[in-house]
Amino acid sequence: MSHDNSQIYRTTPARTGKMMIIMLGICIVGGAIFFSMWDYWISEPAPVVAMMAGDSGSAGPAAHTGATLTQDLHFIESSDFRTLAFNALPGEPDNNPTINMEVGDKVIFNVDNAGKSFHSFGVTPLDEGFGGVVAGSEVATASNPLKPGESGSSEFIAGEDGVYYYICTVPGHREQGMVGKIIVGDVSVEEEVMEAVPEPEVMEKEMAAPEPEVMEKEMAPEPVAFDGTISLPDGSGVPGCDDTNECYIPYHVTVSAGEEITWSNDDSAAHTVTSGLPGAPDGIFDSSLFMAGGTFSVTLDDAGEYPYYCMVHPWMTGIITVN
């Protein structure tokens, strides 16, 4: 008779259980790391994925083979904050200067926030909106913008002929005028012609009784007792809510000293709640930038009147009266 003396390896249920627990732990830790970085994974698709999806702006970085240009840009605002621009307001010299360059050229942007609001910067091939920013052209972001007096630099290399736009990437600021053109190569661009506003007709009727002036902005509403939350309503990031004092609702509230006051951002844009007058914060309270769905609370112990505003959208104003 012959015997098979080869070794047979076996394990115990306990060891198998330990191995399964170790493997499960590795999966849990790996999954936690992956999902904790979810914003990073979805922040920008890989170039090949974007190209397959038809995104024409997803090409890899262009090569610098030509000249190097330098462009200084300053964020500025009109006194009522409704018109925004680079370098000069519309109708003034150097307003939103057009940049002409060739494929392979590089332009270095030196960007300075000379205004009183928050701003950020980028270059995009899109003719509207604030998306599609070319990598490397950014200075700050809409969620972490340049504060007044801050500055930064970025660069853009022209990879192909066409029209690009340098913009403020804070939502709404491009529509208010913070946009300039970058023309790459021999591209014909139709100039935007501003239609002249017709002068009002002068009535020559004699002895006509003057008609009363129509108030374009409603009178400030009476203060109301604070009832728990002040809302930053949807659409407050666009001028217009100031005409009816509805950028913060309620616009003017009264509270008792030591009572907590809470604001809720019910808009789609980021905002601040900053004590003081537009362009002149007084340092008593400041929410800093808080995103849609966020809240901010403060307690005021001293009686008095506290005006406040949004540093991103300075037409947004409100008042707290502490009794």
Protein backbone atom coordinates (compact mmCIF):
# COMPACT_ATOMS: atom_id res chain seq x y z
CA MET A 1 0.00 0.00 0.00
CA SER A 2 1.20 3.50 -0.72
CA HIS A 3 0.48 6.59 1.33
CA ASP A 4 0.06 10.16 0.10
CA ASN A 5 2.23 12.18 2.49
CA SER A 6 1.67 15.58 0.79
CA GLN A 7 0.74 18.40 3.21
CA ILE A 8 -2.77 19.79 3.18
CA TYR A 9 -3.19 23.41 4.42
CA ARG A 10 -6.33 24.19 6.33
CA THR A 11 -7.52 27.13 8.37
CA THR A 12 -9.95 27.58 11.17
CA PRO A 13 -13.25 29.45 11.15
CA ALA A 14 -11.76 31.93 13.63
CA ARG A 15 -8.90 32.83 11.32
CA THR A 16 -11.27 33.11 8.38
CA GLY A 17 -13.46 35.45 10.40
CA LYS A 18 -10.49 37.65 11.30
CA MET A 19 -9.48 37.86 7.64
CA MET A 20 -12.99 38.89 6.62
CA ILE A 21 -13.06 41.57 9.34
CA ILE A 22 -9.70 42.96 8.13
CA MET A 23 -10.90 43.07 4.51
CA LEU A 24 -14.16 44.72 5.55
CA GLY A 25 -12.22 47.33 7.55
CA ILE A 26 -10.04 48.12 4.54
CA CYS A 27 -13.15 48.61 2.39
CA ILE A 28 -14.78 50.88 4.98
CA VAL A 29 -11.67 53.05 5.43
CA GLY A 30 -11.10 53.28 1.67
CA GLY A 31 -14.73 54.20 1.08
CA ALA A 32 -14.60 56.88 3.79
CA ILE A 33 -11.50 58.44 2.22
CA PHE A 34 -13.04 58.32 -1.26
CA PHE A 35 -16.35 59.93 -0.29
CA SER A 36 -14.70 62.53 1.96
CA MET A 37 -12.95 63.77 -1.20
CA TRP A 38 -16.13 63.60 -3.29
CA ASP A 39 -16.04 67.34 -4.09
CA TYR A 40 -12.56 66.88 -5.50
CA TRP A 41 -13.47 63.88 -7.65
CA ILE A 42 -16.42 65.69 -9.22
CA SER A 43 -14.83 69.16 -9.40
CA GLU A 44 -13.48 68.71 -12.92
CA PRO A 45 -13.77 65.74 -15.27
CA ALA A 46 -10.70 64.18 -16.76
CA PRO A 47 -9.93 65.76 -20.16
CA VAL A 48 -10.69 62.56 -22.08
CA VAL A 49 -14.06 62.21 -20.33
CA ALA A 50 -14.94 65.84 -21.01
CA MET A 51 -13.96 65.55 -24.68
CA MET A 52 -16.09 62.42 -25.07
CA ALA A 53 -18.96 64.40 -23.58
CA GLY A 54 -18.51 67.09 -26.18
CA ASP A 55 -16.86 69.76 -23.99
CA SER A 56 -14.79 71.82 -26.40
CA GLY A 57 -13.08 73.64 -23.55
CA SER A 58 -11.45 70.54 -22.09
CA ALA A 59 -8.32 70.45 -24.21
CA GLY A 60 -5.03 70.08 -22.38
CA PRO A 61 -2.84 73.07 -21.53
CA ALA A 62 -1.65 75.06 -24.53
CA ALA A 63 2.07 75.39 -25.21
CA HIS A 64 3.69 78.80 -24.83
CA THR A 65 5.49 79.33 -28.14
CA GLY A 66 4.93 83.03 -28.78
CA ALA A 67 5.05 86.40 -27.07
CA THR A 68 4.38 87.20 -23.42
CA LEU A 69 1.92 89.99 -22.68
CA THR A 70 1.07 91.67 -19.40
CA GLN A 71 -2.35 93.06 -18.55
CA ASP A 72 -3.14 94.97 -15.34
CA LEU A 73 -6.81 94.83 -14.35
CA HIS A 74 -8.62 96.56 -11.49
CA PHE A 75 -12.10 95.64 -10.25
CA ILE A 76 -14.17 98.81 -9.90
CA GLU A 77 -17.79 99.63 -9.13
CA SER A 78 -20.16 102.52 -9.66
CA SER A 79 -21.23 104.51 -6.61
CA ASP A 80 -24.56 102.64 -6.47
CA PHE A 81 -22.84 99.27 -7.07
CA ARG A 82 -25.16 98.47 -9.97
CA THR A 83 -22.46 98.78 -12.64
CA LEU A 84 -19.23 96.79 -12.35
CA ALA A 85 -16.22 96.89 -14.66
CA PHE A 86 -12.49 96.46 -15.11
CA ASN A 87 -10.24 99.55 -15.00
CA ALA A 88 -12.93 102.12 -15.85
CA LEU A 89 -16.70 102.44 -15.95
CA PRO A 90 -18.55 102.24 -19.30
CA GLY A 91 -17.98 105.30 -21.45
CA GLU A 92 -14.60 106.03 -19.86
CA PRO A 93 -11.17 105.29 -21.41
CA ASP A 94 -9.74 101.80 -20.74
CA ASN A 95 -13.08 100.28 -19.81
CA ASN A 96 -12.79 96.46 -20.03
CA PRO A 97 -9.80 96.63 -22.43
CA THR A 98 -9.81 94.16 -25.32
CA ILE A 99 -6.71 91.95 -25.53
CA ASN A 100 -5.42 90.86 -28.95
CA MET A 101 -3.00 87.93 -29.15
CA GLU A 102 -1.90 85.06 -31.37
CA VAL A 103 -1.99 81.30 -30.85
CA GLY A 104 0.88 80.38 -28.54
CA ASP A 105 1.04 83.79 -26.89
CA LYS A 106 0.73 84.08 -23.12
CA VAL A 107 -0.92 86.90 -21.21
CA ILE A 108 -0.11 87.45 -17.54
CA PHE A 109 -2.96 89.06 -15.61
CA ASN A 110 -2.18 91.21 -12.57
CA VAL A 111 -5.56 91.57 -10.90
CA ASP A 112 -6.30 94.05 -8.12
CA ASN A 113 -9.55 94.44 -6.20
CA ALA A 114 -9.80 98.22 -6.13
CA GLY A 115 -13.52 98.07 -5.31
CA LYS A 116 -15.48 97.72 -2.10
CA SER A 117 -17.05 94.35 -2.86
CA PHE A 118 -15.72 90.78 -3.19
CA HIS A 119 -14.49 89.61 -6.60
CA SER A 120 -12.72 86.70 -8.32
CA PHE A 121 -11.26 86.26 -11.79
CA GLY A 122 -10.93 83.79 -14.65
CA VAL A 123 -10.87 83.32 -18.42
CA THR A 124 -13.61 81.37 -20.20
CA PRO A 125 -14.54 80.57 -23.82
CA LEU A 126 -18.24 80.79 -22.91
CA ASP A 127 -20.06 83.95 -23.97
CA GLU A 128 -22.30 83.97 -20.90
CA GLY A 129 -22.34 82.70 -17.34
CA PHE A 130 -19.40 82.09 -15.04
CA GLY A 131 -18.46 78.49 -15.89
CA GLY A 132 -15.85 76.91 -18.16
CA VAL A 133 -12.93 78.76 -16.57
CA VAL A 134 -9.61 77.81 -18.17
CA ALA A 135 -7.28 76.10 -15.69
CA GLY A 136 -4.48 78.36 -14.56
CA SER A 137 -6.33 81.59 -15.35
CA GLU A 138 -8.10 81.78 -11.99
CA VAL A 139 -7.46 84.37 -9.31
CA ALA A 140 -9.42 83.37 -6.20
CA THR A 141 -12.87 81.75 -6.52
CA ALA A 142 -16.49 82.72 -5.95
CA SER A 143 -16.44 80.81 -2.65
CA ASN A 144 -13.09 82.32 -1.60
CA PRO A 145 -12.93 85.69 -3.41
CA LEU A 146 -10.55 88.62 -3.24
CA LYS A 147 -11.48 91.06 -0.52
CA PRO A 148 -11.13 94.82 -1.11
CA GLY A 149 -7.45 95.70 -1.42
CA GLU A 150 -6.33 92.15 -2.21
CA SER A 151 -4.69 91.16 -5.49
CA GLY A 152 -3.34 88.18 -7.42
CA SER A 153 -1.86 87.00 -10.70
CA SER A 154 -2.68 84.33 -13.24
CA GLU A 155 -1.90 83.50 -16.86
CA PHE A 156 -3.67 82.38 -19.99
CA ILE A 157 -2.04 80.76 -23.04
CA ALA A 158 -3.98 80.92 -26.29
CA GLY A 159 -4.30 77.41 -27.71
CA GLU A 160 -6.43 78.16 -30.76
CA ASP A 161 -8.06 80.99 -32.66
CA GLY A 162 -11.26 82.34 -31.21
CA VAL A 163 -12.79 84.74 -28.72
CA TYR A 164 -12.32 84.27 -25.00
CA TYR A 165 -13.62 86.36 -22.12
CA TYR A 166 -12.00 87.45 -18.90
CA ILE A 167 -14.65 87.87 -16.22
CA CYS A 168 -15.41 88.20 -12.56
CA THR A 169 -16.46 84.67 -11.62
CA VAL A 170 -18.68 85.76 -8.72
CA PRO A 171 -22.23 84.90 -9.91
CA GLY A 172 -24.01 87.95 -11.29
CA HIS A 173 -20.96 90.20 -11.59
CA ARG A 174 -20.34 89.38 -15.25
CA GLU A 175 -23.90 90.42 -16.08
CA GLN A 176 -23.30 93.72 -14.29
CA GLY A 177 -20.39 94.53 -16.60
CA MET A 178 -17.26 92.75 -15.39
CA VAL A 179 -16.31 91.12 -18.69
CA GLY A 180 -13.69 91.85 -21.35
CA LYS A 181 -12.69 90.13 -24.61
CA ILE A 182 -9.55 88.25 -25.57
CA ILE A 183 -9.29 87.93 -29.37
CA VAL A 184 -6.95 85.19 -30.49
CA GLY A 185 -5.81 85.25 -34.12
CA ASP A 186 -7.61 86.77 -37.08
CA VAL A 187 -11.15 86.60 -35.80
CA SER A 188 -13.84 89.09 -36.78
CA VAL A 189 -15.74 90.29 -33.78
CA GLU A 190 -18.90 92.30 -34.00
CA GLU A 191 -18.67 95.31 -31.76
CA GLU A 192 -21.50 95.72 -29.30
CA VAL A 193 -23.17 99.04 -29.98
CA MET A 194 -24.75 100.69 -27.00
CA GLU A 195 -28.02 102.28 -28.03
CA ALA A 196 -28.24 105.88 -27.01
CA VAL A 197 -30.96 106.61 -24.53
CA PRO A 198 -33.26 109.19 -26.12
CA GLU A 199 -33.51 112.50 -24.36
CA PRO A 200 -36.89 113.04 -22.74
CA GLU A 201 -39.17 115.30 -24.73
CA VAL A 202 -39.57 118.77 -23.28
CA MET A 203 -43.18 119.76 -22.85
CA GLU A 204 -43.67 123.30 -24.10
CA LYS A 205 -47.17 123.59 -22.78
CA GLU A 206 -47.39 126.83 -20.86
CA MET A 207 -49.04 127.25 -17.51
CA ALA A 208 -49.32 123.51 -17.12
CA ALA A 209 -49.43 122.43 -13.53
CA PRO A 210 -46.41 120.24 -12.71
CA GLU A 211 -47.27 116.62 -12.09
CA PRO A 212 -46.10 115.16 -8.82
CA GLU A 213 -42.93 113.14 -9.00
CA VAL A 214 -43.34 109.39 -8.83
CA MET A 215 -41.28 107.78 -6.10
CA GLU A 216 -39.26 105.03 -7.79
CA LYS A 217 -38.22 103.45 -4.51
CA GLU A 218 -40.69 102.57 -1.84
CA MET A 219 -40.38 104.27 1.50
CA ALA A 220 -38.44 102.26 4.06
CA PRO A 221 -40.85 99.96 5.87
CA GLU A 222 -41.55 100.37 9.55
CA PRO A 223 -39.41 98.15 11.78
CA VAL A 224 -40.96 94.88 12.86
CA ALA A 225 -40.25 92.70 15.86
CA PHE A 226 -37.72 89.97 15.16
CA ASP A 227 -39.51 86.61 14.87
CA GLY A 228 -36.64 84.15 14.62
CA THR A 229 -34.93 84.47 11.21
CA ILE A 230 -34.03 87.15 8.68
CA SER A 231 -34.10 85.74 5.14
CA LEU A 232 -31.74 86.49 2.28
CA PRO A 233 -34.33 85.67 -0.39
CA ASP A 234 -33.87 84.02 -3.75
CA GLY A 235 -32.72 86.57 -6.34
CA SER A 236 -31.21 89.00 -3.84
CA GLY A 237 -27.85 88.60 -5.59
CA VAL A 238 -29.19 90.65 -8.51
CA PRO A 239 -29.95 94.40 -8.28
CA GLY A 240 -33.61 95.16 -7.87
CA CYS A 241 -34.49 93.90 -4.42
CA ASP A 242 -33.17 97.21 -3.06
CA ASP A 243 -36.01 99.05 -4.84
CA THR A 244 -38.48 97.50 -2.43
CA ASN A 245 -36.14 96.98 0.55
CA GLU A 246 -36.47 93.21 0.21
CA CYS A 247 -32.84 92.14 -0.04
CA TYR A 248 -33.09 91.08 3.60
CA ILE A 249 -36.57 90.12 4.80
CA PRO A 250 -37.56 91.76 7.06
CA TYR A 251 -35.50 94.82 6.11
CA HIS A 252 -35.67 96.49 9.54
CA VAL A 253 -36.20 94.48 12.72
CA THR A 254 -36.20 95.30 16.43
CA VAL A 255 -34.76 93.01 19.07
CA SER A 256 -34.03 93.13 22.77
CA ALA A 257 -30.48 93.48 24.00
CA GLY A 258 -28.91 90.04 24.35
CA GLU A 259 -31.36 88.38 21.95
CA GLU A 260 -29.80 86.15 19.30
CA ILE A 261 -30.41 87.21 15.69
CA THR A 262 -30.16 84.66 12.87
CA TRP A 263 -29.92 85.16 9.11
CA SER A 264 -30.69 82.39 6.60
CA ASN A 265 -29.23 82.39 3.06
CA ASP A 266 -32.21 81.32 0.96
CA ASP A 267 -30.58 82.51 -2.28
CA SER A 268 -28.48 80.46 -4.72
CA ALA A 269 -25.50 82.83 -4.39
CA ALA A 270 -23.06 83.29 -1.52
CA HIS A 271 -23.54 86.38 0.66
CA THR A 272 -22.26 88.13 3.77
CA VAL A 273 -23.95 89.91 6.65
CA THR A 274 -21.55 92.73 7.52
CA SER A 275 -22.26 95.58 9.93
CA GLY A 276 -21.79 99.12 8.64
CA LEU A 277 -22.63 100.91 5.41
CA PRO A 278 -21.74 99.64 1.90
CA GLY A 279 -18.00 99.94 1.49
CA ALA A 280 -17.49 100.98 5.11
CA PRO A 281 -17.71 98.00 7.50
CA ASP A 282 -17.55 99.00 11.16
CA GLY A 283 -16.29 95.68 12.55
CA ILE A 284 -19.15 95.02 14.97
CA PHE A 285 -20.18 91.78 13.24
CA ASP A 286 -19.35 89.99 10.00
CA SER A 287 -20.54 86.60 8.84
CA SER A 288 -17.80 86.32 6.19
CA LEU A 289 -18.93 84.51 3.05
CA PHE A 290 -21.63 81.91 3.69
CA MET A 291 -23.13 79.74 1.01
CA ALA A 292 -26.69 78.95 -0.04
CA GLY A 293 -28.54 77.14 2.74
CA GLY A 294 -26.19 78.48 5.41
CA THR A 295 -27.04 80.54 8.48
CA PHE A 296 -25.30 83.17 10.58
CA SER A 297 -26.16 84.31 14.11
CA VAL A 298 -25.06 87.18 16.32
CA THR A 299 -26.04 88.59 19.72
CA LEU A 300 -25.96 92.36 20.28
CA ASP A 301 -25.83 93.51 23.91
CA ASP A 302 -25.80 97.29 23.43
CA ALA A 303 -28.89 99.30 22.51
CA GLY A 304 -28.72 101.23 19.25
CA GLU A 305 -29.23 101.01 15.51
CA TYR A 306 -27.01 98.66 13.47
CA PRO A 307 -27.09 99.00 9.67
CA TYR A 308 -25.57 96.13 7.71
CA TYR A 309 -25.01 95.00 4.12
CA CYS A 310 -23.60 92.26 1.88
CA MET A 311 -19.96 92.74 0.85
CA VAL A 312 -20.50 90.71 -2.33
CA HIS A 313 -23.69 92.53 -3.37
CA PRO A 314 -23.54 95.95 -1.64
CA TRP A 315 -27.02 97.03 -2.76
CA MET A 316 -28.27 94.54 -0.16
CA THR A 317 -28.84 96.48 3.08
CA GLY A 318 -30.76 95.99 6.30
CA ILE A 319 -31.12 97.48 9.79
CA ILE A 320 -31.21 96.01 13.30
CA THR A 321 -32.54 98.16 16.14
CA VAL A 322 -31.60 96.90 19.59
CA ASN A 323 -33.86 98.08 22.42
